[in-house]
Amino acid sequence: MPVFFYRRALTPRDGSVSFVVYAVIPTEGKPDPVPVMAGFPAGWRPTDFPGQCVAVLGADAAYFLTSVPRSQFRHYTRQTEAEALALYPQLLD
């Protein structure tokens, strides 16, 4: 079963751009929200609410098992596996 990758831009008030990369985990049916493995940049973390993230001062870049509402993916940029792993090499580990 194929894995699909999406990139989401995060732009804090200072204008810098960071990216969260989502690897959509293959699951049976059409769950909503969709379970994903996500690579988050330094300073960002997912919240307990699907698809939301929060700035966390001093947080290191990390990987999280989280979820995203199905409707949000249309706002993200589709990526190839190579592009996704260039940003977060351990995304599929």
Protein backbone atom coordinates (compact mmCIF):
# COMPACT_ATOMS: atom_id res chain seq x y z
CA MET A 1 0.00 0.00 0.00
CA PRO A 2 1.48 3.40 -0.94
CA VAL A 3 2.35 6.11 1.58
CA PHE A 4 1.41 9.69 0.66
CA PHE A 5 3.40 12.73 1.78
CA TYR A 6 2.23 16.29 2.35
CA ARG A 7 4.04 19.45 3.43
CA ARG A 8 2.51 22.25 5.48
CA ALA A 9 4.17 25.65 5.86
CA LEU A 10 4.34 27.25 9.30
CA THR A 11 4.99 30.98 9.34
CA PRO A 12 5.44 32.57 12.77
CA ARG A 13 5.22 36.32 13.34
CA ASP A 14 8.89 36.84 12.51
CA GLY A 15 8.20 35.80 8.91
CA SER A 16 10.48 32.75 8.81
CA VAL A 17 9.07 29.62 7.18
CA SER A 18 9.31 26.09 8.55
CA PHE A 19 7.61 22.93 7.33
CA VAL A 20 5.73 20.05 8.89
CA VAL A 21 5.79 16.94 6.73
CA TYR A 22 3.01 14.38 7.07
CA ALA A 23 3.34 10.74 6.00
CA VAL A 24 -0.19 9.42 5.66
CA ILE A 25 -0.33 6.01 7.30
CA PRO A 26 -2.18 3.45 5.18
CA THR A 27 -5.38 2.40 7.01
CA GLU A 28 -8.52 0.51 6.09
CA GLY A 29 -11.56 2.58 5.20
CA LYS A 30 -11.64 6.37 5.24
CA PRO A 31 -10.94 7.47 8.80
CA ASP A 32 -11.42 11.11 9.70
CA PRO A 33 -9.18 12.44 11.14
CA VAL A 34 -6.45 10.59 9.24
CA PRO A 35 -3.61 9.03 11.27
CA VAL A 36 -0.21 10.37 10.18
CA MET A 37 3.44 10.29 11.15
CA ALA A 38 4.61 13.90 11.21
CA GLY A 39 8.03 15.53 11.18
CA PHE A 40 7.88 18.83 13.07
CA PRO A 41 10.54 21.56 12.88
CA ALA A 42 12.28 22.98 15.93
CA GLY A 43 9.96 25.13 17.97
CA TRP A 44 6.71 23.38 16.97
CA ARG A 45 4.59 20.51 18.33
CA PRO A 46 1.17 18.99 17.56
CA THR A 47 -1.67 19.63 19.99
CA ASP A 48 -4.33 17.20 21.20
CA PHE A 49 -6.65 18.61 18.53
CA PRO A 50 -6.29 16.95 15.08
CA GLY A 51 -4.47 19.12 12.57
CA GLN A 52 -3.43 21.83 15.03
CA CYS A 53 0.07 22.67 16.15
CA VAL A 54 1.57 25.08 18.63
CA ALA A 55 4.83 27.00 18.89
CA VAL A 56 6.96 25.74 21.79
CA LEU A 57 10.00 27.84 22.67
CA GLY A 58 13.18 25.74 22.70
CA ALA A 59 11.60 22.51 21.41
CA ASP A 60 13.84 20.41 19.18
CA ALA A 61 12.73 19.05 15.82
CA ALA A 62 10.89 15.76 16.41
CA TYR A 63 8.57 13.12 14.98
CA PHE A 64 5.03 12.50 16.23
CA LEU A 65 2.20 10.08 15.60
CA THR A 66 -0.78 12.41 15.27
CA SER A 67 -3.84 12.95 13.09
CA VAL A 68 -5.15 15.49 10.60
CA PRO A 69 -8.74 16.10 9.45
CA ARG A 70 -9.17 14.75 5.94
CA SER A 71 -10.42 18.13 4.66
CA GLN A 72 -7.14 19.89 5.54
CA PHE A 73 -4.97 17.97 3.08
CA ARG A 74 -6.27 20.02 0.14
CA HIS A 75 -4.46 23.02 1.69
CA TYR A 76 -1.10 21.23 1.87
CA THR A 77 1.52 20.62 -0.80
CA ARG A 78 1.87 17.05 -2.04
CA GLN A 79 5.47 15.77 -1.94
CA THR A 80 7.42 12.83 -3.21
CA GLU A 81 9.01 10.43 -0.75
CA ALA A 82 12.45 11.81 -1.65
CA GLU A 83 11.36 15.40 -0.92
CA ALA A 84 9.76 14.42 2.39
CA LEU A 85 12.76 12.38 3.54
CA ALA A 86 15.14 15.19 2.58
CA LEU A 87 13.43 17.33 5.26
CA TYR A 88 12.83 14.55 7.81
CA PRO A 89 15.05 11.50 7.10
CA GLN A 90 13.59 9.34 9.86
CA LEU A 91 9.94 9.96 8.99
CA LEU A 92 9.28 6.34 8.02
CA ASP A 93 11.40 4.65 10.72
